[in-house]
C-alpha atoms as a PDB file:
ATOM      1  CA  UNK A   1      -6.012 -17.593  14.831  1.00  0.00           C
ATOM      2  CA  UNK A   2      -5.724 -15.495  11.681  1.00  0.00           C
ATOM      3  CA  UNK A   3      -6.170 -11.808  11.245  1.00  0.00           C
ATOM      4  CA  UNK A   4      -9.698 -10.723  12.010  1.00  0.00           C
ATOM      5  CA  UNK A   5     -11.406  -7.370  12.531  1.00  0.00           C
ATOM      6  CA  UNK A   6     -12.074  -6.149  16.044  1.00  0.00           C
ATOM      7  CA  UNK A   7     -14.888  -8.089  17.666  1.00  0.00           C
ATOM      8  CA  UNK A   8     -17.547  -6.813  20.019  1.00  0.00           C
ATOM      9  CA  UNK A   9     -15.750  -8.745  22.764  1.00  0.00           C
ATOM     10  CA  UNK A  10     -12.491  -6.929  21.937  1.00  0.00           C
ATOM     11  CA  UNK A  11     -14.204  -3.568  22.190  1.00  0.00           C
ATOM     12  CA  UNK A  12     -15.969  -4.514  25.404  1.00  0.00           C
ATOM     13  CA  UNK A  13     -12.694  -5.693  26.949  1.00  0.00           C
ATOM     14  CA  UNK A  14     -11.011  -2.446  25.921  1.00  0.00           C
ATOM     15  CA  UNK A  15     -13.804  -0.412  27.512  1.00  0.00           C
ATOM     16  CA  UNK A  16     -13.585  -2.423  30.737  1.00  0.00           C
ATOM     17  CA  UNK A  17      -9.796  -2.281  30.806  1.00  0.00           C
ATOM     18  CA  UNK A  18      -9.520   1.441  30.193  1.00  0.00           C
ATOM     19  CA  UNK A  19     -12.612   2.646  31.998  1.00  0.00           C
ATOM     20  CA  UNK A  20     -13.699   4.427  28.822  1.00  0.00           C
ATOM     21  CA  UNK A  21     -17.289   4.126  27.683  1.00  0.00           C
ATOM     22  CA  UNK A  22     -17.921   4.749  24.003  1.00  0.00           C
ATOM     23  CA  UNK A  23     -21.365   5.416  22.550  1.00  0.00           C
ATOM     24  CA  UNK A  24     -22.768   2.707  20.258  1.00  0.00           C
ATOM     25  CA  UNK A  25     -22.169   4.703  17.074  1.00  0.00           C
ATOM     26  CA  UNK A  26     -18.443   4.950  17.870  1.00  0.00           C
ATOM     27  CA  UNK A  27     -18.230   1.225  18.558  1.00  0.00           C
ATOM     28  CA  UNK A  28     -19.908   0.496  15.216  1.00  0.00           C
ATOM     29  CA  UNK A  29     -17.540   2.927  13.480  1.00  0.00           C
ATOM     30  CA  UNK A  30     -14.510   1.223  15.054  1.00  0.00           C
ATOM     31  CA  UNK A  31     -15.708  -2.209  13.954  1.00  0.00           C
ATOM     32  CA  UNK A  32     -16.353  -0.986  10.420  1.00  0.00           C
ATOM     33  CA  UNK A  33     -12.983   0.785  10.242  1.00  0.00           C
ATOM     34  CA  UNK A  34     -11.277  -2.353  11.540  1.00  0.00           C
ATOM     35  CA  UNK A  35     -12.968  -4.534   8.909  1.00  0.00           C
ATOM     36  CA  UNK A  36     -12.120  -2.054   6.127  1.00  0.00           C
ATOM     37  CA  UNK A  37      -8.502  -1.815   7.261  1.00  0.00           C
ATOM     38  CA  UNK A  38      -8.128  -5.588   7.363  1.00  0.00           C
ATOM     39  CA  UNK A  39      -9.675  -5.963   3.912  1.00  0.00           C
ATOM     40  CA  UNK A  40      -7.272  -3.415   2.449  1.00  0.00           C
ATOM     41  CA  UNK A  41      -4.355  -5.006   4.296  1.00  0.00           C
ATOM     42  CA  UNK A  42      -5.154  -8.390   2.746  1.00  0.00           C
ATOM     43  CA  UNK A  43      -5.601  -6.907  -0.748  1.00  0.00           C
ATOM     44  CA  UNK A  44      -2.318  -5.001  -0.400  1.00  0.00           C
ATOM     45  CA  UNK A  45      -0.422  -8.212   0.394  1.00  0.00           C
ATOM     46  CA  UNK A  46      -0.603  -9.189  -3.282  1.00  0.00           C
ATOM     47  CA  UNK A  47       2.590  -8.185  -5.144  1.00  0.00           C
ATOM     48  CA  UNK A  48       0.679  -6.517  -7.979  1.00  0.00           C
ATOM     49  CA  UNK A  49      -1.808  -4.712  -5.748  1.00  0.00           C
ATOM     50  CA  UNK A  50      -2.358  -1.091  -6.731  1.00  0.00           C
ATOM     51  CA  UNK A  51      -2.084   1.650  -4.144  1.00  0.00           C
ATOM     52  CA  UNK A  52      -5.489   2.212  -2.514  1.00  0.00           C
ATOM     53  CA  UNK A  53      -5.570   5.857  -3.621  1.00  0.00           C
ATOM     54  CA  UNK A  54      -4.738   5.129  -7.265  1.00  0.00           C
ATOM     55  CA  UNK A  55      -7.072   4.514 -10.149  1.00  0.00           C
ATOM     56  CA  UNK A  56      -6.871   1.382 -12.258  1.00  0.00           C
ATOM     57  CA  UNK A  57      -4.732   1.848 -15.353  1.00  0.00           C
ATOM     58  CA  UNK A  58      -5.547   0.470 -18.775  1.00  0.00           C
ATOM     59  CA  UNK A  59      -3.043  -1.862 -20.433  1.00  0.00           C
ATOM     60  CA  UNK A  60      -2.055   1.001 -22.730  1.00  0.00           C
ATOM     61  CA  UNK A  61      -1.388   3.322 -19.777  1.00  0.00           C
ATOM     62  CA  UNK A  62       0.581   0.628 -17.953  1.00  0.00           C
ATOM     63  CA  UNK A  63       2.701   0.092 -21.056  1.00  0.00           C
ATOM     64  CA  UNK A  64       3.398   3.835 -21.376  1.00  0.00           C
ATOM     65  CA  UNK A  65       4.462   4.062 -17.717  1.00  0.00           C
ATOM     66  CA  UNK A  66       6.631   0.948 -18.061  1.00  0.00           C
ATOM     67  CA  UNK A  67       8.365   2.416 -21.132  1.00  0.00           C
ATOM     68  CA  UNK A  68       9.032   5.728 -19.357  1.00  0.00           C
ATOM     69  CA  UNK A  69      10.477   3.987 -16.312  1.00  0.00           C
ATOM     70  CA  UNK A  70      12.683   1.781 -18.482  1.00  0.00           C
ATOM     71  CA  UNK A  71      13.922   4.821 -20.395  1.00  0.00           C
ATOM     72  CA  UNK A  72      14.833   6.683 -17.198  1.00  0.00           C
ATOM     73  CA  UNK A  73      16.575   3.741 -15.560  1.00  0.00           C
ATOM     74  CA  UNK A  74      18.259   2.791 -18.831  1.00  0.00           C
ATOM     75  CA  UNK A  75      19.687   6.304 -19.106  1.00  0.00           C
ATOM     76  CA  UNK A  76      20.896   6.148 -15.500  1.00  0.00           C
ATOM     77  CA  UNK A  77      22.552   2.787 -16.099  1.00  0.00           C
ATOM     78  CA  UNK A  78      24.269   4.020 -19.258  1.00  0.00           C
ATOM     79  CA  UNK A  79      25.448   7.152 -17.454  1.00  0.00           C
ATOM     80  CA  UNK A  80      27.042   5.075 -14.692  1.00  0.00           C
ATOM     81  CA  UNK A  81      29.012   2.818 -17.073  1.00  0.00           C
ATOM     82  CA  UNK A  82      32.726   3.571 -17.152  1.00  0.00           C
ATOM     83  CA  UNK A  83      33.874   5.553 -20.162  1.00  0.00           C
ATOM     84  CA  UNK A  84      35.537   3.658 -22.977  1.00  0.00           C
ATOM     85  CA  UNK A  85      39.328   3.877 -22.945  1.00  0.00           C
ATOM     86  CA  UNK A  86      40.604   7.082 -24.370  1.00  0.00           C
ATOM     87  CA  UNK A  87      37.245   8.799 -24.308  1.00  0.00           C
ATOM     88  CA  UNK A  88      36.697  11.466 -21.666  1.00  0.00           C
ATOM     89  CA  UNK A  89      33.557  11.479 -19.575  1.00  0.00           C
ATOM     90  CA  UNK A  90      31.330  14.534 -19.802  1.00  0.00           C
END
């Protein structure tokens, strides 16, 4: 069986097992939250999935971010390279 949202049977079993009785609106809210969570979980499994709280970036914005990240990591990599012979490190 694959991943599925909470079913009515799941909620009923939980209520019977715990002795807790939830009002119908809370049961509906739990089912909806479960379905929403599962949907986001499946979308997030994709390697290029954006964070759920982020806005979609244009290609131009993505390129600008990529260039900034490359510049920062490039500078870090250059800084970590051993100094050439005879030249002191700053």
